[in-house]
Amino acid sequence: MGIINEFKEFAIKGNMVDMAVGIIIGGAFGTIVKSLVDDIIMPPIGLALGGIDFSDIVLTLKEATADAEAVTMNIGSFFNNVISFLIVAWAVFMLVKGMNSLKKKAEEAPAEPAAPPKSEVLLTEIRDALKAR
């Protein structure tokens, strides 16, 4: 029963929920970036390079036969995925950089000075009373 309780405690912690939300949003973001690369970025690049569709760039290692499909290295798809990765990596870098600068500003904010101990306050009052005489 102890391990089940430990798992419940782990699963209910805020960090676990935050991580799950991050993974879900990350998956959705990956889909958007893939569409951005495949549908927005690569067509103009292909057009500028003479109408090349990068997803069609393959290196055939073995031709198709009646019994088996062709064996190919899909270089264009790999190129699209590299560009998608770079976009996601850049976005994550900018997010972390922004969070770090916010943390740094919070750390640099001057903290209020600690209140002096009671003994120091009493000694100051005694000193002031003696000066007043």
Protein backbone atom coordinates (compact mmCIF):
# COMPACT_ATOMS: atom_id res chain seq x y z
CA MET A 1 0.00 0.00 0.00
CA GLY A 2 2.95 2.35 0.63
CA ILE A 3 4.02 2.54 -3.02
CA ILE A 4 0.49 3.41 -4.14
CA ASN A 5 0.33 6.28 -1.67
CA GLU A 6 3.74 7.50 -2.81
CA PHE A 7 2.55 7.43 -6.44
CA LYS A 8 -0.62 9.35 -5.55
CA GLU A 9 1.45 11.98 -3.78
CA PHE A 10 3.80 12.23 -6.77
CA ALA A 11 0.99 12.39 -9.35
CA ILE A 12 -0.98 15.05 -7.49
CA LYS A 13 1.97 17.42 -6.97
CA GLY A 14 1.76 20.65 -8.95
CA ASN A 15 4.98 19.88 -10.85
CA MET A 16 3.47 16.72 -12.33
CA VAL A 17 0.40 18.58 -13.54
CA ASP A 18 2.55 21.41 -14.94
CA MET A 19 4.69 18.87 -16.78
CA ALA A 20 1.62 17.17 -18.27
CA VAL A 21 0.24 20.49 -19.49
CA GLY A 22 3.64 21.35 -20.98
CA ILE A 23 3.79 18.05 -22.86
CA ILE A 24 0.30 18.52 -24.29
CA ILE A 25 1.01 22.10 -25.36
CA GLY A 26 4.40 21.02 -26.73
CA GLY A 27 2.73 18.37 -28.89
CA ALA A 28 0.27 20.91 -30.25
CA PHE A 29 3.11 23.37 -30.86
CA GLY A 30 5.04 20.68 -32.75
CA THR A 31 2.06 20.17 -35.05
CA ILE A 32 1.85 23.90 -35.74
CA VAL A 33 5.58 24.11 -36.46
CA LYS A 34 5.41 21.10 -38.81
CA SER A 35 2.62 22.80 -40.73
CA LEU A 36 4.58 26.07 -40.77
CA VAL A 37 7.62 24.33 -42.27
CA ASP A 38 5.77 22.05 -44.72
CA ASP A 39 3.08 24.50 -45.84
CA ILE A 40 4.58 27.99 -45.44
CA ILE A 41 8.40 27.95 -45.38
CA MET A 42 9.38 25.13 -47.75
CA PRO A 43 7.15 25.94 -50.77
CA PRO A 44 8.75 29.38 -51.41
CA ILE A 45 12.24 27.92 -50.86
CA GLY A 46 11.45 25.11 -53.30
CA LEU A 47 10.04 27.61 -55.80
CA ALA A 48 13.14 29.80 -55.50
CA LEU A 49 15.28 26.74 -56.20
CA GLY A 50 13.42 25.88 -59.40
CA GLY A 51 10.19 24.30 -58.20
CA ILE A 52 11.72 21.62 -56.00
CA ASP A 53 9.38 19.87 -53.57
CA PHE A 54 11.71 18.91 -50.75
CA SER A 55 9.48 16.08 -49.57
CA ASP A 56 10.06 14.39 -52.96
CA ILE A 57 13.86 14.39 -52.65
CA VAL A 58 14.81 10.75 -52.09
CA LEU A 59 17.87 8.62 -52.65
CA THR A 60 16.80 5.20 -53.93
CA LEU A 61 18.92 2.43 -52.47
CA LYS A 62 16.96 -0.45 -54.04
CA GLU A 63 14.34 -0.24 -56.75
CA ALA A 64 10.86 -1.58 -56.15
CA THR A 65 10.11 -5.11 -57.25
CA ALA A 66 6.90 -7.07 -57.57
CA ASP A 67 7.48 -8.48 -54.09
CA ALA A 68 8.86 -5.44 -52.22
CA GLU A 69 8.65 -1.70 -52.14
CA ALA A 70 11.62 0.49 -53.02
CA VAL A 71 14.16 1.18 -50.28
CA THR A 72 14.80 4.92 -50.11
CA MET A 73 16.47 7.52 -47.96
CA ASN A 74 13.98 10.39 -47.65
CA ILE A 75 16.43 13.28 -47.61
CA GLY A 76 13.80 15.97 -48.25
CA SER A 77 11.64 14.84 -45.33
CA PHE A 78 14.73 14.81 -43.13
CA PHE A 79 15.54 18.38 -44.24
CA ASN A 80 11.98 19.47 -43.37
CA ASN A 81 12.30 17.85 -39.93
CA VAL A 82 15.64 19.57 -39.29
CA ILE A 83 14.05 22.94 -40.04
CA SER A 84 11.10 22.08 -37.75
CA PHE A 85 13.52 21.15 -34.98
CA LEU A 86 15.45 24.40 -35.37
CA ILE A 87 12.24 26.43 -35.12
CA VAL A 88 11.08 24.56 -32.00
CA ALA A 89 14.56 24.81 -30.44
CA TRP A 90 14.64 28.56 -31.11
CA ALA A 91 11.17 29.03 -29.59
CA VAL A 92 12.13 27.04 -26.48
CA PHE A 93 15.39 28.99 -26.20
CA MET A 94 13.52 32.30 -26.33
CA LEU A 95 10.99 31.06 -23.75
CA VAL A 96 13.72 29.95 -21.34
CA LYS A 97 15.66 33.16 -21.93
CA GLY A 98 12.55 35.22 -21.09
CA MET A 99 11.88 33.19 -17.95
CA ASN A 100 15.50 33.55 -16.83
CA SER A 101 15.41 37.32 -17.28
CA LEU A 102 12.19 37.50 -15.23
CA LYS A 103 13.84 35.39 -12.49
CA LYS A 104 16.92 37.59 -12.57
CA LYS A 105 14.79 40.74 -12.18
CA ALA A 106 12.98 39.16 -9.24
CA GLU A 107 16.29 38.23 -7.61
CA GLU A 108 17.75 41.69 -8.20
CA ALA A 109 14.78 43.46 -6.62
CA PRO A 110 16.01 44.95 -3.37
CA ALA A 111 14.66 43.16 -0.35
CA GLU A 112 13.39 45.19 2.56
CA PRO A 113 15.98 45.42 5.31
CA ALA A 114 15.34 43.12 8.21
CA ALA A 115 13.91 44.72 11.31
CA PRO A 116 16.55 45.25 13.99
CA PRO A 117 16.42 42.89 16.96
CA LYS A 118 14.42 43.99 20.02
CA SER A 119 17.57 44.43 22.08
CA GLU A 120 18.96 46.91 19.55
CA VAL A 121 15.69 48.86 19.52
CA LEU A 122 15.71 49.03 23.34
CA LEU A 123 19.34 50.19 23.40
CA THR A 124 18.54 52.90 20.86
CA GLU A 125 15.63 54.09 22.99
CA ILE A 126 17.87 54.15 26.09
CA ARG A 127 20.53 56.11 24.19
CA ASP A 128 17.99 58.62 22.94
CA ALA A 129 16.56 59.01 26.48
CA LEU A 130 20.06 59.66 27.90
CA LYS A 131 20.78 62.26 25.21
CA ALA A 132 17.53 64.02 25.97
CA ARG A 133 18.59 64.57 29.64
